Amino acid sequence: MLQSDLEVYMQELEEIVNIDSPTGHLAGIEKILEFFTLRFKALGWTVESSATGSELHPCLKIVNRPAETYDILMIGHIDTVLPVGTVAERPFTINGEYITGPGVEDMKSGTLFMYHLAKYFTEHQLLPEQANICILINSDEEIGSKFSRPLIEAAAQKSKCALVFESADKYGTMTKGRKGIGRYFVKFKGIASHAGSQPEKGASAVTEFLHWGTELMQLHNLAEGTSINIGVVQGGTAPNVVAEEVNIQIDVRMTKMQPVYEIEKLIEFLGNNPKDPRVTITTEGGITRPPMVPTPESEALCQLFETVAEQLGQSPAKFQSVGGGSDANLTAALGIPSIDGLGPTGDNSHSPSEYTLYASYAPKFDLLVAAIQKILQK
């Protein structure tokens, strides 16, 4: 990436980072989508806006030309987990080596990479005549791509490979595998009574919840890549009152699906067979992201990037499997060769210390250009 191009990129990154865009904040989301719409249309690319099932979570589908299949699918998101007002507190800043600001690492820098790649390939006439590229920009990734998932899966099924532009980790390592994610919401409704004078009349929602916790945690198995975390517990009113109600939220992570089937079977059994039959239990939720499991085809994509990095004289390109989820989980679950972490190097997402490294931008962009050229040549 030429220095002049990097300077333009940084100006544009400052513009979109300095727009509050928490998931569902339509004013900020639409402003950023307009930013991308105008620029892609100026390149001559076709831009379609979709409500993806909710007017609060619009998505852009961008193609270099209409096509039935795509050589490459690129995916990025513009929503953040940070509330409106965060930009005013800590706007985009370049402080020596560090670039900071809300959403700069997760993942506005990577999403902007996709536009600059399209711009580079278009202006330098590097797209083969028959090449077809599809770019998706969604605004609900931070809530599991609940509304954009059908659009992502439909495009993935037409694509030869998927490249996802979440940031690389602080060492520059990219991603070839991710754990799947399940979210479950359980409500326990018992009978309140005085814990001292009439405990027998009560049916404790807390006691039922504790039974659940004991049973569920028997399936917690980090050695096999399965974790169960009851992260939210709300209920009870006073120490001398048998608790009438408890609400819990459960996070499940997995590297393969079989343990999830066992967990869901146990949740169903516990829900239908309360230890105290006077307690009623309702459950909601399920798998929000299936696991992203490396395949021989995705490993081949990793190898391509590793070879290109070596040819460019860059530091070795490395890939790893990580715990957090992304839209790559959705494409990989369909059997589409998928890799992630193609944005610049960064760390501390979702926190005030979120950053990317300035020195990582140009080399990563050059790596992407060369790698995409090889993918298209195939």
Protein backbone atom coordinates (compact mmCIF):
# COMPACT_ATOMS: atom_id res chain seq x y z
CA MET A 1 0.00 0.00 0.00
CA LEU A 2 1.44 3.35 -1.04
CA GLN A 3 1.84 5.97 1.67
CA SER A 4 -0.65 8.24 -0.12
CA ASP A 5 -3.23 5.44 -0.15
CA LEU A 6 -2.58 4.75 3.53
CA GLU A 7 -3.13 8.41 4.36
CA VAL A 8 -6.50 8.40 2.56
CA TYR A 9 -7.40 5.15 4.29
CA MET A 10 -6.63 6.64 7.72
CA GLN A 11 -8.75 9.70 6.99
CA GLU A 12 -11.66 7.46 6.06
CA LEU A 13 -11.09 5.19 9.05
CA GLU A 14 -11.24 8.23 11.33
CA GLU A 15 -14.55 9.22 9.73
CA ILE A 16 -16.30 5.89 10.33
CA VAL A 17 -14.76 5.20 13.75
CA ASN A 18 -16.02 8.60 14.88
CA ILE A 19 -19.62 7.55 14.21
CA ASP A 20 -21.30 5.79 17.13
CA SER A 21 -22.77 2.58 15.72
CA PRO A 22 -23.88 0.20 18.47
CA THR A 23 -26.04 -2.63 17.17
CA GLY A 24 -29.53 -1.29 16.50
CA HIS A 25 -28.54 2.41 16.48
CA LEU A 26 -30.02 3.11 13.08
CA ALA A 27 -28.80 6.71 12.74
CA GLY A 28 -25.14 5.73 13.06
CA ILE A 29 -25.50 2.48 11.11
CA GLU A 30 -27.14 4.21 8.15
CA LYS A 31 -24.51 6.94 8.09
CA ILE A 32 -21.69 4.39 7.80
CA LEU A 33 -23.55 2.31 5.21
CA GLU A 34 -24.06 5.48 3.16
CA PHE A 35 -20.30 6.09 3.40
CA PHE A 36 -19.65 2.67 1.83
CA THR A 37 -22.51 2.85 -0.66
CA LEU A 38 -21.27 6.07 -2.23
CA ARG A 39 -17.71 4.81 -2.52
CA PHE A 40 -18.50 1.40 -3.97
CA LYS A 41 -20.91 2.93 -6.49
CA ALA A 42 -18.17 5.36 -7.53
CA LEU A 43 -16.06 2.31 -8.41
CA GLY A 44 -18.86 1.02 -10.64
CA TRP A 45 -19.78 -1.83 -8.28
CA THR A 46 -23.41 -2.77 -7.69
CA VAL A 47 -24.73 -2.09 -4.18
CA GLU A 48 -27.92 -3.57 -2.76
CA SER A 49 -29.30 -2.67 0.66
CA SER A 50 -31.31 -5.26 2.56
CA ALA A 51 -33.33 -4.91 5.75
CA THR A 52 -32.35 -8.53 6.59
CA GLY A 53 -35.54 -9.06 8.54
CA SER A 54 -35.27 -5.92 10.67
CA GLU A 55 -35.20 -2.26 9.69
CA LEU A 56 -32.79 -1.65 12.58
CA HIS A 57 -30.14 -3.96 11.13
CA PRO A 58 -29.60 -3.14 7.43
CA CYS A 59 -26.94 -4.92 5.41
CA LEU A 60 -25.12 -4.15 2.16
CA LYS A 61 -24.48 -6.68 -0.59
CA ILE A 62 -21.88 -5.42 -3.05
CA VAL A 63 -20.70 -7.14 -6.24
CA ASN A 64 -18.31 -6.16 -8.99
CA ARG A 65 -20.93 -7.43 -11.46
CA PRO A 66 -24.12 -9.52 -11.31
CA ALA A 67 -23.31 -13.24 -11.12
CA GLU A 68 -24.78 -16.58 -10.08
CA THR A 69 -21.60 -17.67 -8.29
CA TYR A 70 -18.70 -15.88 -6.62
CA ASP A 71 -14.99 -16.63 -6.61
CA ILE A 72 -14.57 -14.81 -3.31
CA LEU A 73 -16.99 -13.75 -0.60
CA MET A 74 -15.70 -11.02 1.74
CA ILE A 75 -17.50 -10.24 5.00
CA GLY A 76 -17.25 -7.45 7.54
CA HIS A 77 -19.49 -5.67 10.04
CA ILE A 78 -19.85 -2.09 11.25
CA ASP A 79 -21.79 -2.49 14.50
CA THR A 80 -20.13 -2.28 17.89
CA VAL A 81 -21.06 -3.15 21.48
CA LEU A 82 -20.28 0.39 22.64
CA PRO A 83 -23.08 2.80 23.61
CA VAL A 84 -23.88 6.10 21.95
CA GLY A 85 -21.58 8.74 23.41
CA THR A 86 -18.44 6.59 23.37
CA VAL A 87 -17.00 8.52 20.42
CA ALA A 88 -17.29 11.78 22.36
CA GLU A 89 -15.39 10.19 25.25
CA ARG A 90 -12.57 8.65 23.23
CA PRO A 91 -12.56 9.47 19.50
CA PHE A 92 -10.25 8.08 16.84
CA THR A 93 -6.64 8.75 17.73
CA ILE A 94 -3.25 7.91 16.25
CA ASN A 95 -0.77 7.88 19.11
CA GLY A 96 2.57 6.75 17.79
CA GLU A 97 2.24 3.07 16.91
CA TYR A 98 -1.27 2.70 18.30
CA ILE A 99 -4.55 3.55 16.58
CA THR A 100 -7.43 3.72 19.04
CA GLY A 101 -11.13 4.50 18.98
CA PRO A 102 -14.46 2.71 19.41
CA GLY A 103 -14.71 -0.20 16.97
CA VAL A 104 -11.36 0.45 15.31
CA GLU A 105 -10.24 -3.12 15.98
CA ASP A 106 -13.66 -4.80 15.98
CA MET A 107 -13.93 -4.30 13.15
CA LYS A 108 -14.20 -1.06 11.23
CA SER A 109 -10.56 -1.20 10.10
CA GLY A 110 -11.06 -4.63 8.53
CA THR A 111 -14.35 -3.65 6.91
CA LEU A 112 -12.67 -0.60 5.37
CA PHE A 113 -9.96 -2.93 4.05
CA MET A 114 -12.62 -4.59 1.87
CA TYR A 115 -13.48 -1.31 0.16
CA HIS A 116 -9.84 -0.42 -0.41
CA LEU A 117 -9.19 -3.85 -1.89
CA ALA A 118 -12.09 -3.36 -4.29
CA LYS A 119 -10.74 0.09 -5.12
CA TYR A 120 -7.21 -1.19 -5.69
CA PHE A 121 -8.27 -4.06 -7.93
CA THR A 122 -10.64 -1.84 -9.91
CA GLU A 123 -8.33 1.13 -10.42
CA HIS A 124 -5.36 -1.09 -11.30
CA GLN A 125 -7.50 -3.30 -13.56
CA LEU A 126 -6.40 -6.43 -11.73
CA LEU A 127 -9.72 -8.26 -11.80
CA PRO A 128 -9.73 -11.07 -14.37
CA GLU A 129 -12.50 -10.65 -16.92
CA GLN A 130 -14.61 -13.49 -15.47
CA ALA A 131 -13.88 -12.82 -11.79
CA ASN A 132 -16.86 -12.47 -9.46
CA ILE A 133 -16.53 -10.96 -5.99
CA CYS A 134 -19.25 -10.44 -3.41
CA ILE A 135 -18.82 -8.22 -0.35
CA LEU A 136 -21.23 -8.24 2.59
CA ILE A 137 -21.31 -5.53 5.25
CA ASN A 138 -23.73 -6.26 8.09
CA SER A 139 -24.79 -4.37 11.19
CA ASP A 140 -25.84 -7.11 13.61
CA GLU A 141 -22.74 -9.27 14.04
CA GLU A 142 -22.39 -8.33 17.69
CA ILE A 143 -25.74 -10.00 18.41
CA GLY A 144 -24.83 -13.15 16.48
CA SER A 145 -25.82 -11.92 12.98
CA LYS A 146 -29.37 -12.85 13.92
CA PHE A 147 -30.94 -10.96 11.03
CA SER A 148 -28.17 -11.04 8.40
CA ARG A 149 -27.48 -14.77 8.75
CA PRO A 150 -29.81 -15.83 5.87
CA LEU A 151 -28.11 -13.35 3.55
CA ILE A 152 -24.64 -14.50 4.61
CA GLU A 153 -25.50 -18.17 4.18
CA ALA A 154 -27.16 -17.60 0.79
CA ALA A 155 -24.08 -15.78 -0.52
CA ALA A 156 -21.72 -18.35 0.98
CA GLN A 157 -23.48 -21.21 -0.76
CA LYS A 158 -22.70 -19.50 -4.07
CA SER A 159 -19.04 -18.85 -3.20
CA LYS A 160 -15.82 -20.80 -3.65
CA CYS A 161 -14.31 -19.34 -0.47
CA ALA A 162 -15.04 -16.84 2.27
CA LEU A 163 -12.62 -14.25 3.65
CA VAL A 164 -13.65 -12.55 6.90
CA PHE A 165 -11.96 -9.34 7.99
CA GLU A 166 -12.02 -9.39 11.77
CA SER A 167 -8.65 -8.18 13.10
CA ALA A 168 -5.65 -10.42 13.50
CA ASP A 169 -4.54 -10.85 17.12
CA LYS A 170 -1.83 -8.74 18.75
CA TYR A 171 0.87 -10.98 17.25
CA GLY A 172 -0.62 -10.72 13.75
CA THR A 173 -1.93 -14.29 13.82
CA MET A 174 -4.96 -14.95 11.63
CA THR A 175 -7.81 -17.37 12.26
CA LYS A 176 -8.63 -20.76 10.78
CA GLY A 177 -10.95 -22.12 13.48
CA ARG A 178 -13.40 -20.77 16.02
CA LYS A 179 -15.53 -22.27 18.73
CA GLY A 180 -19.26 -22.42 18.23
CA ILE A 181 -21.56 -20.49 20.54
CA GLY A 182 -24.83 -21.40 22.22
CA ARG A 183 -26.97 -19.11 24.36
CA TYR A 184 -29.76 -20.39 26.61
CA PHE A 185 -32.22 -18.49 28.79
CA VAL A 186 -33.97 -20.35 31.61
CA LYS A 187 -36.75 -19.12 33.91
CA PHE A 188 -37.62 -20.94 37.14
CA LYS A 189 -41.00 -20.13 38.68
CA GLY A 190 -41.59 -21.53 42.18
CA ILE A 191 -43.79 -20.62 45.14
CA ALA A 192 -42.82 -17.95 47.65
CA SER A 193 -43.27 -18.53 51.38
CA HIS A 194 -41.75 -17.55 54.71
CA ALA A 195 -38.46 -19.42 55.10
CA GLY A 196 -38.81 -19.55 58.88
CA SER A 197 -42.46 -20.22 59.75
CA GLN A 198 -43.73 -21.96 56.59
CA PRO A 199 -40.83 -23.28 54.54
CA GLU A 200 -42.82 -26.39 53.55
CA LYS A 201 -45.28 -24.23 51.62
CA GLY A 202 -42.55 -22.86 49.42
CA ALA A 203 -41.06 -24.24 46.21
CA SER A 204 -37.64 -22.69 45.80
CA ALA A 205 -36.63 -21.52 42.35
CA VAL A 206 -33.08 -21.10 43.69
CA THR A 207 -32.87 -24.73 44.83
CA GLU A 208 -34.06 -25.84 41.38
CA PHE A 209 -31.48 -23.62 39.72
CA LEU A 210 -28.71 -25.08 41.90
CA HIS A 211 -29.76 -28.55 40.80
CA TRP A 212 -29.45 -27.44 37.18
CA GLY A 213 -26.00 -26.02 37.79
CA THR A 214 -24.76 -29.27 39.32
CA GLU A 215 -26.12 -31.34 36.43
CA LEU A 216 -25.01 -29.04 33.63
CA MET A 217 -21.46 -28.59 34.86
CA GLN A 218 -20.88 -32.33 34.57
CA LEU A 219 -20.81 -31.73 30.79
CA HIS A 220 -18.28 -28.89 31.11
CA ASN A 221 -15.17 -30.41 29.49
CA LEU A 222 -12.33 -28.05 28.58
CA ALA A 223 -10.13 -30.94 27.49
CA GLU A 224 -12.60 -31.61 24.66
CA GLY A 225 -13.13 -27.91 23.93
CA THR A 226 -16.56 -27.62 25.56
CA SER A 227 -17.30 -24.96 28.15
CA ILE A 228 -20.49 -24.13 30.02
CA ASN A 229 -20.80 -20.83 31.84
CA ILE A 230 -23.87 -19.76 33.80
CA GLY A 231 -22.95 -16.12 33.50
CA VAL A 232 -26.14 -14.36 34.65
CA VAL A 233 -28.28 -15.28 37.67
CA GLN A 234 -31.15 -13.06 38.79
CA GLY A 235 -33.68 -13.97 41.47
CA GLY A 236 -34.80 -14.09 45.04
CA THR A 237 -36.00 -11.21 47.20
CA ALA A 238 -34.77 -11.72 50.77
CA PRO A 239 -32.90 -14.31 52.88
CA ASN A 240 -36.06 -15.20 54.80
CA VAL A 241 -38.21 -15.74 51.71
CA VAL A 242 -38.28 -18.96 49.72
CA ALA A 243 -37.37 -17.67 46.26
CA GLU A 244 -40.26 -17.61 43.84
CA GLU A 245 -38.34 -16.77 40.67
CA VAL A 246 -34.87 -17.13 39.18
CA ASN A 247 -33.70 -16.25 35.67
CA ILE A 248 -30.38 -17.46 34.31
CA GLN A 249 -28.38 -17.09 31.11
CA ILE A 250 -26.03 -19.84 29.95
CA ASP A 251 -23.14 -19.50 27.50
CA VAL A 252 -21.90 -22.68 25.80
CA ARG A 253 -18.76 -22.88 23.64
CA MET A 254 -17.78 -25.91 21.62
CA THR A 255 -15.27 -27.11 19.01
CA LYS A 256 -17.65 -29.75 17.67
CA MET A 257 -21.39 -30.24 17.67
CA GLN A 258 -21.83 -33.58 19.46
CA PRO A 259 -21.39 -32.18 23.00
CA VAL A 260 -24.06 -29.58 22.23
CA TYR A 261 -26.60 -32.26 21.42
CA GLU A 262 -25.91 -33.80 24.82
CA ILE A 263 -26.21 -30.42 26.57
CA GLU A 264 -29.49 -29.62 24.83
CA LYS A 265 -30.84 -33.08 25.63
CA LEU A 266 -30.01 -32.49 29.31
CA ILE A 267 -31.61 -29.02 29.26
CA GLU A 268 -34.78 -30.52 27.80
CA PHE A 269 -34.82 -33.32 30.40
CA LEU A 270 -34.25 -30.97 33.33
CA GLY A 271 -36.92 -28.62 32.05
CA ASN A 272 -39.48 -31.41 31.84
CA ASN A 273 -38.48 -33.07 35.10
CA PRO A 274 -38.01 -30.48 37.86
CA LYS A 275 -36.62 -31.81 41.12
CA ASP A 276 -39.57 -30.11 42.82
CA PRO A 277 -42.63 -30.65 40.60
CA ARG A 278 -44.16 -27.42 41.89
CA VAL A 279 -41.49 -25.42 40.07
CA THR A 280 -42.25 -24.59 36.43
CA ILE A 281 -39.35 -24.10 34.01
CA THR A 282 -39.25 -22.41 30.62
CA THR A 283 -36.25 -22.44 28.33
CA GLU A 284 -35.30 -20.49 25.22
CA GLY A 285 -32.25 -20.20 23.02
CA GLY A 286 -29.95 -22.46 21.08
CA ILE A 287 -26.86 -22.43 18.90
CA THR A 288 -26.17 -18.93 17.59
CA ARG A 289 -22.95 -19.86 15.79
CA PRO A 290 -21.85 -23.37 14.84
CA PRO A 291 -18.16 -24.18 15.31
CA MET A 292 -15.72 -23.15 12.59
CA VAL A 293 -13.74 -26.33 12.02
CA PRO A 294 -10.67 -26.22 9.75
CA THR A 295 -11.03 -28.39 6.65
CA PRO A 296 -8.40 -29.45 4.11
CA GLU A 297 -9.73 -26.74 1.79
CA SER A 298 -9.47 -23.99 4.41
CA GLU A 299 -6.03 -25.27 5.38
CA ALA A 300 -5.08 -24.86 1.73
CA LEU A 301 -6.20 -21.23 1.92
CA CYS A 302 -3.97 -20.77 4.96
CA GLN A 303 -1.08 -22.32 3.06
CA LEU A 304 -1.68 -19.93 0.16
CA PHE A 305 -1.37 -16.94 2.50
CA GLU A 306 1.72 -18.43 4.11
CA THR A 307 3.37 -18.89 0.70
CA VAL A 308 2.49 -15.38 -0.41
CA ALA A 309 3.88 -13.86 2.78
CA GLU A 310 7.14 -15.69 2.20
CA GLN A 311 7.28 -14.52 -1.41
CA LEU A 312 6.75 -10.93 -0.27
CA GLY A 313 9.54 -11.24 2.27
CA GLN A 314 7.14 -10.61 5.15
CA SER A 315 7.12 -12.23 8.56
CA PRO A 316 5.65 -15.75 8.41
CA ALA A 317 1.85 -15.76 8.13
CA LYS A 318 0.37 -17.77 10.97
CA PHE A 319 -3.10 -19.13 11.66
CA GLN A 320 -4.70 -20.44 14.83
CA SER A 321 -8.03 -21.56 16.28
CA VAL A 322 -9.64 -19.24 18.84
CA GLY A 323 -12.58 -19.18 21.22
CA GLY A 324 -14.62 -16.21 20.01
CA GLY A 325 -17.17 -16.44 17.20
CA SER A 326 -17.62 -14.44 13.99
CA ASP A 327 -19.46 -14.64 10.69
CA ALA A 328 -16.79 -17.11 9.56
CA ASN A 329 -18.55 -19.67 11.76
CA LEU A 330 -21.61 -19.39 9.53
CA THR A 331 -19.77 -19.81 6.23
CA ALA A 332 -17.52 -22.62 7.48
CA ALA A 333 -20.50 -24.58 8.79
CA LEU A 334 -21.78 -24.77 5.21
CA GLY A 335 -18.55 -26.41 4.09
CA ILE A 336 -17.23 -23.27 2.39
CA PRO A 337 -13.44 -22.85 2.77
CA SER A 338 -13.21 -19.95 5.21
CA ILE A 339 -10.49 -18.00 6.98
CA ASP A 340 -10.68 -15.01 9.29
CA GLY A 341 -8.49 -12.46 11.03
CA LEU A 342 -7.69 -10.70 7.75
CA GLY A 343 -7.90 -7.22 9.21
CA PRO A 344 -4.90 -5.39 10.69
CA THR A 345 -3.20 -6.45 13.90
CA GLY A 346 -4.99 -5.39 17.08
CA ASP A 347 -6.31 -6.34 20.50
CA ASN A 348 -8.60 -5.46 23.41
CA SER A 349 -11.87 -5.42 21.49
CA HIS A 350 -14.97 -4.23 23.36
CA SER A 351 -12.84 -2.26 25.82
CA PRO A 352 -11.58 1.31 26.26
CA SER A 353 -8.06 0.11 25.38
CA GLU A 354 -9.05 -1.33 21.98
CA TYR A 355 -6.32 -0.69 19.43
CA THR A 356 -4.73 -1.60 16.12
CA LEU A 357 -1.06 -1.25 15.19
CA TYR A 358 -0.26 1.36 12.55
CA ALA A 359 2.69 -0.61 11.18
CA SER A 360 0.48 -3.61 10.40
CA TYR A 361 -1.80 -1.91 7.89
CA ALA A 362 0.35 -1.62 4.78
CA PRO A 363 1.97 -5.09 4.98
CA LYS A 364 -1.39 -6.76 5.61
CA PHE A 365 -2.97 -4.94 2.69
CA ASP A 366 -0.11 -5.99 0.39
CA LEU A 367 -0.50 -9.59 1.58
CA LEU A 368 -4.23 -9.49 0.84
CA VAL A 369 -3.71 -8.07 -2.64
CA ALA A 370 -1.21 -10.76 -3.58
CA ALA A 371 -3.21 -13.58 -2.00
CA ILE A 372 -6.47 -12.53 -3.66
CA GLN A 373 -4.71 -12.37 -7.01
CA LYS A 374 -3.61 -15.99 -6.57
CA ILE A 375 -7.10 -17.06 -5.51
CA LEU A 376 -8.60 -15.44 -8.61
CA GLN A 377 -5.96 -17.00 -10.86
CA LYS A 378 -7.12 -20.43 -9.69
